[in-house]
Protein backbone atom coordinates (compact mmCIF):
# COMPACT_ATOMS: atom_id res chain seq x y z
CA MET A 1 0.00 0.00 0.00
CA VAL A 2 1.17 3.48 -0.80
CA VAL A 3 0.65 4.60 2.81
CA THR A 4 2.89 1.88 4.29
CA ASP A 5 5.53 0.65 1.86
CA ILE A 6 8.08 3.47 1.90
CA GLN A 7 8.27 3.43 5.69
CA ALA A 8 8.48 -0.37 5.68
CA CYS A 9 11.44 -0.22 3.27
CA PHE A 10 13.21 2.29 5.53
CA ALA A 11 12.56 0.14 8.61
CA ALA A 12 13.77 -3.01 6.85
CA GLY A 13 17.00 -1.30 5.79
CA ALA A 14 17.63 -0.14 9.35
CA LEU A 15 16.69 -3.53 10.82
CA PHE A 16 19.05 -5.40 8.51
CA ALA A 17 21.94 -3.15 9.56
CA ASP A 18 20.98 -3.82 13.18
CA LEU A 19 20.92 -7.58 12.57
CA ALA A 20 24.39 -7.47 11.01
CA ALA A 21 25.80 -5.07 13.62
CA PRO A 22 28.59 -7.30 15.00
CA ALA A 23 29.92 -7.91 11.49
CA ILE A 24 29.59 -4.22 10.60
CA VAL A 25 31.56 -3.13 13.66
CA ALA A 26 34.22 -5.82 13.06
CA SER A 27 34.75 -5.05 9.39
CA THR A 28 34.44 -1.30 8.87
CA ASP A 29 34.41 2.10 10.54
CA ALA A 30 32.28 5.24 10.40
CA THR A 31 34.47 7.04 7.88
CA THR A 32 34.89 4.24 5.32
CA PHE A 33 31.79 2.05 5.71
CA ASN A 34 30.28 3.25 2.43
CA ARG A 35 33.21 1.63 0.60
CA SER A 36 33.17 -1.63 2.59
CA ALA A 37 32.18 -5.03 1.22
CA ILE A 38 29.58 -5.59 3.93
CA TYR A 39 27.86 -2.30 3.16
CA ALA A 40 27.87 -3.14 -0.55
CA ARG A 41 26.25 -6.54 0.14
CA LEU A 42 23.54 -5.21 2.46
CA ARG A 43 22.84 -2.18 0.29
CA GLN A 44 22.51 -4.41 -2.76
CA ARG A 45 19.97 -6.63 -0.98
CA MET A 46 18.03 -3.64 0.26
CA LEU A 47 17.85 -2.11 -3.23
CA LEU A 48 16.97 -5.47 -4.74
CA TYR A 49 13.94 -5.81 -2.46
CA PRO A 50 11.89 -2.84 -3.74
CA ALA A 51 13.08 -3.38 -7.31
CA VAL A 52 12.23 -7.07 -7.63
CA PHE A 53 9.65 -7.76 -4.94
CA LEU A 54 7.77 -4.86 -3.35
CA GLY A 55 7.69 -2.52 -6.36
CA PRO A 56 6.24 -5.07 -8.80
CA SER A 57 3.73 -6.20 -6.18
CA ALA A 58 2.60 -2.62 -5.55
CA THR A 59 2.39 -2.06 -9.30
CA LEU A 60 0.10 -5.04 -9.75
CA PHE A 61 -2.20 -3.73 -7.01
CA MET A 62 -2.06 -0.22 -8.45
CA LEU A 63 -3.09 -1.45 -11.88
CA ALA A 64 -5.80 -3.83 -10.67
CA TRP A 65 -7.13 -2.11 -7.53
CA PRO A 66 -5.83 1.48 -7.51
CA GLY A 67 -8.29 2.75 -4.90
CA TRP A 68 -7.31 0.12 -2.37
CA GLU A 69 -3.56 0.33 -3.12
CA THR A 70 -3.64 4.07 -2.45
CA GLN A 71 -6.04 3.63 0.47
CA TYR A 72 -8.46 5.99 -1.27
CA LEU A 73 -6.22 9.01 -0.54
CA GLY A 74 -7.31 10.99 -3.55
CA GLU A 75 -8.41 10.91 -7.13
CA SER A 76 -5.00 12.02 -8.40
CA PHE A 77 -3.56 8.60 -7.62
CA VAL A 78 -6.21 6.73 -9.60
CA ALA A 79 -6.98 9.16 -12.48
CA THR A 80 -3.77 8.50 -14.39
CA ALA A 81 -5.01 7.78 -17.92
CA GLY A 82 -3.99 10.69 -20.12
CA ASN A 83 -2.55 12.56 -17.14
CA PRO A 84 1.21 12.14 -16.87
CA TRP A 85 1.42 14.31 -13.73
CA ASN A 86 -0.91 11.97 -11.87
CA ALA A 87 0.89 8.93 -13.28
CA ALA A 88 4.16 10.43 -12.04
CA LEU A 89 2.85 10.13 -8.48
CA PHE A 90 3.12 6.36 -8.69
CA GLY A 91 6.50 6.55 -10.41
CA THR A 92 7.68 8.77 -7.57
CA PHE A 93 6.33 6.24 -5.07
CA LEU A 94 8.35 3.45 -6.71
CA LEU A 95 11.49 5.59 -6.61
CA LEU A 96 10.87 6.41 -2.93
CA LEU A 97 10.69 2.69 -2.11
CA ALA A 98 14.34 2.37 -3.17
CA VAL A 99 15.32 5.64 -1.49
CA GLY A 100 13.63 4.52 1.74
CA ALA A 101 15.40 1.15 1.70
CA TRP A 102 18.78 2.73 0.96
CA PHE A 103 18.36 5.50 3.54
CA GLY A 104 17.24 3.07 6.27
CA ASN A 105 20.30 0.93 5.59
CA TRP A 106 22.61 3.96 5.51
CA VAL A 107 21.23 5.33 8.79
CA GLY A 108 21.46 1.84 10.25
CA PHE A 109 25.14 1.56 9.39
CA ARG A 110 25.88 5.05 10.71
CA TRP A 111 24.11 4.43 14.00
CA VAL A 112 25.50 0.92 14.48
CA LEU A 113 29.02 2.29 14.01
CA ALA A 114 28.25 5.15 16.41
CA GLY A 115 27.20 2.65 19.08
CA ALA A 116 23.56 3.78 18.89
CA ARG A 117 21.80 0.46 18.27
CA THR A 118 19.18 1.16 20.94
CA ARG A 119 18.34 4.48 19.29
CA LEU A 120 18.24 2.71 15.89
CA ARG A 121 15.81 0.10 17.23
CA MET A 122 13.63 2.81 18.71
CA LEU A 123 13.62 4.59 15.35
CA TYR A 124 12.56 1.66 13.18
CA ALA A 125 10.11 0.34 15.78
CA SER A 126 8.55 3.82 16.06
CA ILE A 127 8.30 4.12 12.29
CA LEU A 128 6.53 0.76 12.08
CA LEU A 129 4.22 1.70 14.96
CA VAL A 130 3.29 5.05 13.41
CA THR A 131 2.76 3.32 10.06
CA GLY A 132 0.38 0.87 11.72
CA VAL A 133 -1.48 3.72 13.41
CA LEU A 134 -1.67 5.56 10.08
CA LEU A 135 -3.03 2.48 8.37
CA PHE A 136 -5.75 1.94 10.95
CA ALA A 137 -6.56 5.65 11.04
CA ARG A 138 -7.74 5.11 7.47
CA TRP A 139 -10.33 2.56 8.66
CA PRO A 140 -12.29 1.06 6.90
CA ALA A 141 -10.01 1.64 3.87
CA PRO A 142 -7.73 -1.38 4.56
CA VAL A 143 -10.66 -3.82 4.56
CA ARG A 144 -12.97 -2.37 1.87
CA LEU A 145 -12.48 -2.90 -1.85
CA GLY A 146 -13.75 -0.58 -4.54
CA SER A 147 -13.12 2.54 -6.52
CA TYR A 148 -12.08 5.85 -5.05
CA HIS A 149 -15.49 7.36 -5.87
CA ASP A 150 -17.40 4.47 -4.31
CA PHE A 151 -15.30 4.64 -1.16
CA VAL A 152 -15.77 8.39 -0.79
CA GLY A 153 -19.51 8.04 -1.43
CA ARG A 154 -20.37 5.07 0.73
CA PRO A 155 -17.50 2.91 2.09
CA GLU A 156 -19.81 0.69 4.14
CA GLY A 157 -21.47 -0.45 0.91
CA LEU A 158 -18.24 -1.84 -0.52
CA PRO A 159 -17.33 -5.52 -0.18
CA TYR A 160 -14.70 -6.62 2.28
CA VAL A 161 -11.33 -7.54 0.75
CA TRP A 162 -11.78 -11.22 1.61
CA GLU A 163 -15.12 -11.34 -0.25
CA ASP A 164 -13.39 -10.80 -3.62
CA GLY A 165 -11.69 -14.11 -4.41
CA THR A 166 -9.33 -12.68 -7.03
CA PHE A 167 -8.19 -9.85 -4.78
CA PHE A 168 -7.83 -12.06 -1.72
CA MET A 169 -5.81 -14.72 -3.58
CA SER A 170 -3.62 -11.99 -5.11
CA PHE A 171 -3.16 -10.38 -1.70
CA CYS A 172 -2.13 -13.67 -0.05
CA THR A 173 0.17 -14.67 -2.92
CA LEU A 174 1.87 -11.29 -3.19
CA THR A 175 2.21 -10.98 0.58
CA LEU A 176 4.14 -14.26 0.54
CA TYR A 177 6.08 -13.09 -2.52
CA CYS A 178 7.20 -10.02 -0.54
CA ALA A 179 7.54 -11.60 2.93
CA VAL A 180 9.68 -14.61 2.04
CA PRO A 181 12.58 -12.65 0.48
CA LEU A 182 12.37 -10.12 3.31
CA ALA A 183 12.79 -12.98 5.79
CA VAL A 184 15.63 -14.49 3.73
CA PHE A 185 17.42 -11.12 3.49
CA GLY A 186 16.95 -10.64 7.24
CA LEU A 187 18.40 -14.08 7.90
CA LEU A 188 21.35 -13.32 5.63
CA ALA A 189 21.97 -10.07 7.52
CA TYR A 190 21.82 -11.94 10.81
CA ARG A 191 24.24 -14.58 9.48
CA GLU A 192 26.63 -11.78 8.50
CA SER A 193 26.89 -11.00 12.21
CA ARG A 194 27.85 -14.57 13.03
CA ALA A 195 30.69 -14.73 10.51
CA PRO A 196 32.29 -11.30 10.18
CA SER A 197 34.27 -10.69 7.02
């Protein structure tokens, strides 16, 4: 969803740096980390995630269910045909997924090397908490499926997301498609900490 994914990418980048902290501290320092092999590996994984997994998943939802993907934030997000400025909003969103992932990882490295892992954990946990609050502040948008105009007019008349078999199967499949590599990348970051390079 547009209202959650950028923050989730930032938090994942920071979390992965936190998971690999012992290896980061053992293999680089604050002035040269951006040229280190461990930073290159973790940055590459973090940039790969929005490019190969989250971005394509969000694009599928944007093309098939634009109102729901944007959580019915406004007509500009869904009225893209013949309007390149509106279409650019989604292109900007895709770019910000990568920027969020990179920036979270960069901040994570900086704060790990500064000995501020507790502050880093508070940051990414707070971002995830605020994102969850933001998502549920949009209630009933996360659980209703329809067009932007239908949602604005009468959201309680829209079907629940689990009542549309195609949407629900797509949601479950794409959630797995995004969650599994995130877990694998997290495990790889954690394993980095067990075998410093």
